[in-house]
Amino acid sequence: MHVHIWSSPVRLKNGAGQPRIIATTEEAANFLLLNWPIETGEKFVEARRACLDVVNGIRPPDDARQAFIDACEEAGLSVVS
């Protein structure tokens, strides 16, 4: 399986303050499916779509990165630079 690495990782803190680093589209997709704190949201849906598009070769990996960041902000997850 091909891994779609981002230009720079996304560092975030979940609701419990636990740090997490997401560096690939596949890690983001896994986090969105298994660890996401809310079950809905426009940015959440777009992030999942962007991840699928990247895996299918339709969009570049950093499109998923930006969509993931937007979804984190929508969900109230703290993105740390």
PDB file of N, CA and C in Angstrom:
ATOM      1  N   MET A   1       0.839  -1.180   0.000  1.00  0.00           N
ATOM      2  CA  MET A   1       0.000   0.000   0.000  1.00  0.00           C
ATOM      3  C   MET A   1       0.883   1.243   0.000  1.00  0.00           C
ATOM      4  N   HIS A   2       0.529   2.200  -0.828  1.00  0.00           N
ATOM      5  CA  HIS A   2       1.260   3.461  -0.918  1.00  0.00           C
ATOM      6  C   HIS A   2       0.845   4.380   0.240  1.00  0.00           C
ATOM      7  N   VAL A   3       1.829   5.016   0.873  1.00  0.00           N
ATOM      8  CA  VAL A   3       1.553   5.957   1.963  1.00  0.00           C
ATOM      9  C   VAL A   3       1.684   7.367   1.399  1.00  0.00           C
ATOM     10  N   HIS A   4       0.705   8.193   1.712  1.00  0.00           N
ATOM     11  CA  HIS A   4       0.657   9.563   1.203  1.00  0.00           C
ATOM     12  C   HIS A   4       1.110  10.533   2.298  1.00  0.00           C
ATOM     13  N   ILE A   5       2.410  10.828   2.289  1.00  0.00           N
ATOM     14  CA  ILE A   5       3.033  11.652   3.321  1.00  0.00           C
ATOM     15  C   ILE A   5       2.760  13.132   3.050  1.00  0.00           C
ATOM     16  N   TRP A   6       2.464  13.863   4.132  1.00  0.00           N
ATOM     17  CA  TRP A   6       2.189  15.298   4.031  1.00  0.00           C
ATOM     18  C   TRP A   6       3.494  16.095   4.052  1.00  0.00           C
ATOM     19  N   SER A   7       3.421  17.329   3.585  1.00  0.00           N
ATOM     20  CA  SER A   7       4.606  18.203   3.562  1.00  0.00           C
ATOM     21  C   SER A   7       5.101  18.504   4.973  1.00  0.00           C
ATOM     22  N   SER A   8       4.204  18.569   5.934  1.00  0.00           N
ATOM     23  CA  SER A   8       4.588  18.692   7.343  1.00  0.00           C
ATOM     24  C   SER A   8       3.482  18.060   8.193  1.00  0.00           C
ATOM     25  N   PRO A   9       3.877  17.438   9.305  1.00  0.00           N
ATOM     26  CA  PRO A   9       2.887  16.772  10.156  1.00  0.00           C
ATOM     27  C   PRO A   9       1.958  17.771  10.837  1.00  0.00           C
ATOM     28  N   VAL A  10       0.809  17.275  11.244  1.00  0.00           N
ATOM     29  CA  VAL A  10      -0.146  18.057  12.021  1.00  0.00           C
ATOM     30  C   VAL A  10      -0.049  17.577  13.460  1.00  0.00           C
ATOM     31  N   ARG A  11       0.245  18.501  14.353  1.00  0.00           N
ATOM     32  CA  ARG A  11       0.313  18.182  15.782  1.00  0.00           C
ATOM     33  C   ARG A  11      -0.962  18.685  16.430  1.00  0.00           C
ATOM     34  N   LEU A  12      -1.600  17.820  17.172  1.00  0.00           N
ATOM     35  CA  LEU A  12      -2.840  18.227  17.815  1.00  0.00           C
ATOM     36  C   LEU A  12      -2.932  17.636  19.205  1.00  0.00           C
ATOM     37  N   LYS A  13      -3.843  18.191  19.976  1.00  0.00           N
ATOM     38  CA  LYS A  13      -4.168  17.653  21.294  1.00  0.00           C
ATOM     39  C   LYS A  13      -5.630  17.266  21.263  1.00  0.00           C
ATOM     40  N   ASN A  14      -5.910  16.045  21.719  1.00  0.00           N
ATOM     41  CA  ASN A  14      -7.301  15.615  21.738  1.00  0.00           C
ATOM     42  C   ASN A  14      -8.009  16.224  22.938  1.00  0.00           C
ATOM     43  N   GLY A  15      -9.269  15.876  23.140  1.00  0.00           N
ATOM     44  CA  GLY A  15     -10.063  16.457  24.214  1.00  0.00           C
ATOM     45  C   GLY A  15      -9.473  16.256  25.591  1.00  0.00           C
ATOM     46  N   ALA A  16      -8.714  15.174  25.783  1.00  0.00           N
ATOM     47  CA  ALA A  16      -8.087  14.894  27.073  1.00  0.00           C
ATOM     48  C   ALA A  16      -6.709  15.545  27.185  1.00  0.00           C
ATOM     49  N   GLY A  17      -6.318  16.308  26.168  1.00  0.00           N
ATOM     50  CA  GLY A  17      -5.022  16.979  26.191  1.00  0.00           C
ATOM     51  C   GLY A  17      -3.868  16.104  25.748  1.00  0.00           C
ATOM     52  N   GLN A  18      -4.170  14.909  25.255  1.00  0.00           N
ATOM     53  CA  GLN A  18      -3.126  13.991  24.788  1.00  0.00           C
ATOM     54  C   GLN A  18      -2.565  14.483  23.452  1.00  0.00           C
ATOM     55  N   PRO A  19      -1.238  14.606  23.339  1.00  0.00           N
ATOM     56  CA  PRO A  19      -0.666  15.032  22.059  1.00  0.00           C
ATOM     57  C   PRO A  19      -0.737  13.906  21.027  1.00  0.00           C
ATOM     58  N   ARG A  20      -0.884  14.298  19.779  1.00  0.00           N
ATOM     59  CA  ARG A  20      -0.962  13.329  18.685  1.00  0.00           C
ATOM     60  C   ARG A  20      -0.334  13.967  17.462  1.00  0.00           C
ATOM     61  N   ILE A  21       0.431  13.210  16.713  1.00  0.00           N
ATOM     62  CA  ILE A  21       1.037  13.692  15.480  1.00  0.00           C
ATOM     63  C   ILE A  21       0.487  12.865  14.328  1.00  0.00           C
ATOM     64  N   ILE A  22      -0.057  13.548  13.339  1.00  0.00           N
ATOM     65  CA  ILE A  22      -0.594  12.916  12.144  1.00  0.00           C
ATOM     66  C   ILE A  22       0.260  13.396  10.976  1.00  0.00           C
ATOM     67  N   ALA A  23       0.870  12.461  10.238  1.00  0.00           N
ATOM     68  CA  ALA A  23       1.811  12.843   9.191  1.00  0.00           C
ATOM     69  C   ALA A  23       1.438  12.327   7.804  1.00  0.00           C
ATOM     70  N   THR A  24       0.414  11.486   7.719  1.00  0.00           N
ATOM     71  CA  THR A  24       0.024  10.938   6.421  1.00  0.00           C
ATOM     72  C   THR A  24      -1.487  10.956   6.266  1.00  0.00           C
ATOM     73  N   THR A  25      -1.924  10.863   5.036  1.00  0.00           N
ATOM     74  CA  THR A  25      -3.357  10.792   4.757  1.00  0.00           C
ATOM     75  C   THR A  25      -3.962   9.563   5.408  1.00  0.00           C
ATOM     76  N   GLU A  26      -3.249   8.451   5.396  1.00  0.00           N
ATOM     77  CA  GLU A  26      -3.763   7.217   5.977  1.00  0.00           C
ATOM     78  C   GLU A  26      -3.934   7.339   7.494  1.00  0.00           C
ATOM     79  N   GLU A  27      -2.993   7.996   8.173  1.00  0.00           N
ATOM     80  CA  GLU A  27      -3.139   8.232   9.618  1.00  0.00           C
ATOM     81  C   GLU A  27      -4.340   9.127   9.898  1.00  0.00           C
ATOM     82  N   ALA A  28      -4.539  10.137   9.070  1.00  0.00           N
ATOM     83  CA  ALA A  28      -5.682  11.037   9.250  1.00  0.00           C
ATOM     84  C   ALA A  28      -6.989  10.282   9.062  1.00  0.00           C
ATOM     85  N   ALA A  29      -7.065   9.462   8.022  1.00  0.00           N
ATOM     86  CA  ALA A  29      -8.282   8.691   7.770  1.00  0.00           C
ATOM     87  C   ALA A  29      -8.588   7.773   8.947  1.00  0.00           C
ATOM     88  N   ASN A  30      -7.569   7.129   9.464  1.00  0.00           N
ATOM     89  CA  ASN A  30      -7.739   6.245  10.620  1.00  0.00           C
ATOM     90  C   ASN A  30      -8.244   7.032  11.834  1.00  0.00           C
ATOM     91  N   PHE A  31      -7.654   8.196  12.075  1.00  0.00           N
ATOM     92  CA  PHE A  31      -8.070   9.028  13.204  1.00  0.00           C
ATOM     93  C   PHE A  31      -9.518   9.500  13.028  1.00  0.00           C
ATOM     94  N   LEU A  32      -9.866   9.904  11.815  1.00  0.00           N
ATOM     95  CA  LEU A  32     -11.229  10.357  11.539  1.00  0.00           C
ATOM     96  C   LEU A  32     -12.250   9.232  11.756  1.00  0.00           C
ATOM     97  N   LEU A  33     -11.883   8.023  11.408  1.00  0.00           N
ATOM     98  CA  LEU A  33     -12.807   6.893  11.531  1.00  0.00           C
ATOM     99  C   LEU A  33     -12.896   6.331  12.942  1.00  0.00           C
ATOM    100  N   LEU A  34     -11.780   6.328  13.671  1.00  0.00           N
ATOM    101  CA  LEU A  34     -11.745   5.607  14.952  1.00  0.00           C
ATOM    102  C   LEU A  34     -11.673   6.483  16.199  1.00  0.00           C
ATOM    103  N   ASN A  35     -11.194   7.710  16.077  1.00  0.00           N
ATOM    104  CA  ASN A  35     -10.946   8.522  17.263  1.00  0.00           C
ATOM    105  C   ASN A  35     -11.598   9.893  17.230  1.00  0.00           C
ATOM    106  N   TRP A  36     -12.464  10.129  16.279  1.00  0.00           N
ATOM    107  CA  TRP A  36     -13.016  11.471  16.120  1.00  0.00           C
ATOM    108  C   TRP A  36     -13.985  11.779  17.248  1.00  0.00           C
ATOM    109  N   PRO A  37     -13.883  12.969  17.860  1.00  0.00           N
ATOM    110  CA  PRO A  37     -14.694  13.289  19.040  1.00  0.00           C
ATOM    111  C   PRO A  37     -16.158  13.625  18.763  1.00  0.00           C
ATOM    112  N   ILE A  38     -16.498  13.955  17.517  1.00  0.00           N
ATOM    113  CA  ILE A  38     -17.892  14.262  17.186  1.00  0.00           C
ATOM    114  C   ILE A  38     -18.295  13.397  15.989  1.00  0.00           C
ATOM    115  N   GLU A  39     -19.579  13.213  15.809  1.00  0.00           N
ATOM    116  CA  GLU A  39     -20.037  12.301  14.761  1.00  0.00           C
ATOM    117  C   GLU A  39     -20.518  12.998  13.498  1.00  0.00           C
ATOM    118  N   THR A  40     -20.458  14.294  13.472  1.00  0.00           N
ATOM    119  CA  THR A  40     -20.971  15.011  12.314  1.00  0.00           C
ATOM    120  C   THR A  40     -20.172  16.287  12.122  1.00  0.00           C
ATOM    121  N   GLY A  41     -20.482  16.988  11.073  1.00  0.00           N
ATOM    122  CA  GLY A  41     -19.830  18.260  10.793  1.00  0.00           C
ATOM    123  C   GLY A  41     -19.432  18.338   9.335  1.00  0.00           C
ATOM    124  N   GLU A  42     -19.625  19.494   8.759  1.00  0.00           N
ATOM    125  CA  GLU A  42     -19.315  19.706   7.347  1.00  0.00           C
ATOM    126  C   GLU A  42     -17.830  19.477   7.062  1.00  0.00           C
ATOM    127  N   LYS A  43     -16.971  19.996   7.915  1.00  0.00           N
ATOM    128  CA  LYS A  43     -15.523  19.857   7.712  1.00  0.00           C
ATOM    129  C   LYS A  43     -15.070  18.410   7.936  1.00  0.00           C
ATOM    130  N   PHE A  44     -15.714  17.715   8.859  1.00  0.00           N
ATOM    131  CA  PHE A  44     -15.443  16.295   9.104  1.00  0.00           C
ATOM    132  C   PHE A  44     -15.731  15.482   7.842  1.00  0.00           C
ATOM    133  N   VAL A  45     -16.879  15.727   7.235  1.00  0.00           N
ATOM    134  CA  VAL A  45     -17.261  15.012   6.014  1.00  0.00           C
ATOM    135  C   VAL A  45     -16.279  15.331   4.891  1.00  0.00           C
ATOM    136  N   GLU A  46     -15.915  16.595   4.762  1.00  0.00           N
ATOM    137  CA  GLU A  46     -14.965  16.991   3.721  1.00  0.00           C
ATOM    138  C   GLU A  46     -13.595  16.356   3.947  1.00  0.00           C
ATOM    139  N   ALA A  47     -13.148  16.267   5.188  1.00  0.00           N
ATOM    140  CA  ALA A  47     -11.848  15.648   5.479  1.00  0.00           C
ATOM    141  C   ALA A  47     -11.849  14.174   5.091  1.00  0.00           C
ATOM    142  N   ARG A  48     -12.927  13.476   5.394  1.00  0.00           N
ATOM    143  CA  ARG A  48     -13.015  12.061   4.993  1.00  0.00           C
ATOM    144  C   ARG A  48     -13.000  11.935   3.470  1.00  0.00           C
ATOM    145  N   ARG A  49     -13.738  12.807   2.797  1.00  0.00           N
ATOM    146  CA  ARG A  49     -13.769  12.787   1.332  1.00  0.00           C
ATOM    147  C   ARG A  49     -12.380  13.076   0.760  1.00  0.00           C
ATOM    148  N   ALA A  50     -11.692  14.066   1.332  1.00  0.00           N
ATOM    149  CA  ALA A  50     -10.356  14.415   0.847  1.00  0.00           C
ATOM    150  C   ALA A  50      -9.385  13.251   1.022  1.00  0.00           C
ATOM    151  N   CYS A  51      -9.467  12.561   2.144  1.00  0.00           N
ATOM    152  CA  CYS A  51      -8.595  11.401   2.368  1.00  0.00           C
ATOM    153  C   CYS A  51      -8.846  10.325   1.315  1.00  0.00           C
ATOM    154  N   LEU A  52     -10.111  10.041   1.040  1.00  0.00           N
ATOM    155  CA  LEU A  52     -10.445   9.045   0.017  1.00  0.00           C
ATOM    156  C   LEU A  52      -9.956   9.480  -1.358  1.00  0.00           C
ATOM    157  N   ASP A  53     -10.117  10.755  -1.671  1.00  0.00           N
ATOM    158  CA  ASP A  53      -9.660  11.259  -2.963  1.00  0.00           C
ATOM    159  C   ASP A  53      -8.145  11.130  -3.108  1.00  0.00           C
ATOM    160  N   VAL A  54      -7.411  11.397  -2.051  1.00  0.00           N
ATOM    161  CA  VAL A  54      -5.953  11.268  -2.102  1.00  0.00           C
ATOM    162  C   VAL A  54      -5.564   9.811  -2.321  1.00  0.00           C
ATOM    163  N   VAL A  55      -6.150   8.914  -1.563  1.00  0.00           N
ATOM    164  CA  VAL A  55      -5.832   7.485  -1.697  1.00  0.00           C
ATOM    165  C   VAL A  55      -6.158   6.993  -3.112  1.00  0.00           C
ATOM    166  N   ASN A  56      -7.201   7.553  -3.711  1.00  0.00           N
ATOM    167  CA  ASN A  56      -7.589   7.158  -5.068  1.00  0.00           C
ATOM    168  C   ASN A  56      -6.859   7.925  -6.164  1.00  0.00           C
ATOM    169  N   GLY A  57      -5.907   8.790  -5.770  1.00  0.00           N
ATOM    170  CA  GLY A  57      -5.087   9.500  -6.741  1.00  0.00           C
ATOM    171  C   GLY A  57      -5.754  10.688  -7.411  1.00  0.00           C
ATOM    172  N   ILE A  58      -6.846  11.176  -6.823  1.00  0.00           N
ATOM    173  CA  ILE A  58      -7.593  12.274  -7.421  1.00  0.00           C
ATOM    174  C   ILE A  58      -7.068  13.636  -6.961  1.00  0.00           C
ATOM    175  N   ARG A  59      -6.546  13.691  -5.734  1.00  0.00           N
ATOM    176  CA  ARG A  59      -6.068  14.954  -5.160  1.00  0.00           C
ATOM    177  C   ARG A  59      -4.692  14.731  -4.536  1.00  0.00           C
ATOM    178  N   PRO A  60      -3.916  15.815  -4.365  1.00  0.00           N
ATOM    179  CA  PRO A  60      -2.603  15.695  -3.723  1.00  0.00           C
ATOM    180  C   PRO A  60      -2.750  15.531  -2.205  1.00  0.00           C
ATOM    181  N   PRO A  61      -1.766  14.911  -1.550  1.00  0.00           N
ATOM    182  CA  PRO A  61      -1.842  14.653  -0.110  1.00  0.00           C
ATOM    183  C   PRO A  61      -2.103  15.887   0.748  1.00  0.00           C
ATOM    184  N   ASP A  62      -1.549  17.024   0.391  1.00  0.00           N
ATOM    185  CA  ASP A  62      -1.742  18.205   1.239  1.00  0.00           C
ATOM    186  C   ASP A  62      -3.166  18.757   1.198  1.00  0.00           C
ATOM    187  N   ASP A  63      -3.966  18.343   0.231  1.00  0.00           N
ATOM    188  CA  ASP A  63      -5.398  18.679   0.274  1.00  0.00           C
ATOM    189  C   ASP A  63      -6.041  18.000   1.475  1.00  0.00           C
ATOM    190  N   ALA A  64      -5.669  16.747   1.718  1.00  0.00           N
ATOM    191  CA  ALA A  64      -6.194  16.021   2.890  1.00  0.00           C
ATOM    192  C   ALA A  64      -5.663  16.656   4.176  1.00  0.00           C
ATOM    193  N   ARG A  65      -4.421  17.098   4.156  1.00  0.00           N
ATOM    194  CA  ARG A  65      -3.851  17.745   5.341  1.00  0.00           C
ATOM    195  C   ARG A  65      -4.660  18.973   5.734  1.00  0.00           C
ATOM    196  N   GLN A  66      -4.921  19.842   4.753  1.00  0.00           N
ATOM    197  CA  GLN A  66      -5.671  21.068   5.053  1.00  0.00           C
ATOM    198  C   GLN A  66      -7.099  20.750   5.482  1.00  0.00           C
ATOM    199  N   ALA A  67      -7.726  19.787   4.830  1.00  0.00           N
ATOM    200  CA  ALA A  67      -9.085  19.400   5.206  1.00  0.00           C
ATOM    201  C   ALA A  67      -9.103  18.824   6.622  1.00  0.00           C
ATOM    202  N   PHE A  68      -8.064  18.081   6.983  1.00  0.00           N
ATOM    203  CA  PHE A  68      -7.965  17.521   8.333  1.00  0.00           C
ATOM    204  C   PHE A  68      -7.822  18.636   9.365  1.00  0.00           C
ATOM    205  N   ILE A  69      -6.987  19.621   9.084  1.00  0.00           N
ATOM    206  CA  ILE A  69      -6.815  20.759   9.992  1.00  0.00           C
ATOM    207  C   ILE A  69      -8.142  21.488  10.178  1.00  0.00           C
ATOM    208  N   ASP A  70      -8.845  21.729   9.084  1.00  0.00           N
ATOM    209  CA  ASP A  70     -10.139  22.407   9.153  1.00  0.00           C
ATOM    210  C   ASP A  70     -11.124  21.611  10.008  1.00  0.00           C
ATOM    211  N   ALA A  71     -11.130  20.287   9.842  1.00  0.00           N
ATOM    212  CA  ALA A  71     -12.025  19.432  10.626  1.00  0.00           C
ATOM    213  C   ALA A  71     -11.645  19.445  12.106  1.00  0.00           C
ATOM    214  N   CYS A  72     -10.342  19.479  12.396  1.00  0.00           N
ATOM    215  CA  CYS A  72      -9.891  19.560  13.796  1.00  0.00           C
ATOM    216  C   CYS A  72     -10.416  20.832  14.448  1.00  0.00           C
ATOM    217  N   GLU A  73     -10.300  21.937  13.743  1.00  0.00           N
ATOM    218  CA  GLU A  73     -10.786  23.215  14.284  1.00  0.00           C
ATOM    219  C   GLU A  73     -12.294  23.166  14.503  1.00  0.00           C
ATOM    220  N   GLU A  74     -13.024  22.577  13.559  1.00  0.00           N
ATOM    221  CA  GLU A  74     -14.472  22.443  13.692  1.00  0.00           C
ATOM    222  C   GLU A  74     -14.840  21.604  14.921  1.00  0.00           C
ATOM    223  N   ALA A  75     -14.047  20.571  15.205  1.00  0.00           N
ATOM    224  CA  ALA A  75     -14.325  19.658  16.321  1.00  0.00           C
ATOM    225  C   ALA A  75     -13.786  20.173  17.650  1.00  0.00           C
ATOM    226  N   GLY A  76     -13.076  21.300  17.636  1.00  0.00           N
ATOM    227  CA  GLY A  76     -12.532  21.843  18.874  1.00  0.00           C
ATOM    228  C   GLY A  76     -11.235  21.189  19.319  1.00  0.00           C
ATOM    229  N   LEU A  77     -10.568  20.490  18.405  1.00  0.00           N
ATOM    230  CA  LEU A  77      -9.256  19.921  18.715  1.00  0.00           C
ATOM    231  C   LEU A  77      -8.203  20.997  18.521  1.00  0.00           C
ATOM    232  N   SER A  78      -7.270  21.063  19.421  1.00  0.00           N
ATOM    233  CA  SER A  78      -6.239  22.083  19.374  1.00  0.00           C
ATOM    234  C   SER A  78      -5.118  21.642  18.437  1.00  0.00           C
ATOM    235  N   VAL A  79      -4.944  22.383  17.345  1.00  0.00           N
ATOM    236  CA  VAL A  79      -3.850  22.122  16.407  1.00  0.00           C
ATOM    237  C   VAL A  79      -2.673  22.973  16.835  1.00  0.00           C
ATOM    238  N   VAL A  80      -1.529  22.331  17.033  1.00  0.00           N
ATOM    239  CA  VAL A  80      -0.329  23.005  17.527  1.00  0.00           C
ATOM    240  C   VAL A  80       0.689  23.059  16.400  1.00  0.00           C
ATOM    241  N   SER A  81       1.301  24.198  16.216  1.00  0.00           N
ATOM    242  CA  SER A  81       2.311  24.300  15.146  1.00  0.00           C
ATOM    243  C   SER A  81       3.667  23.835  15.620  1.00  0.00           C
TER     244      SER A  81
END
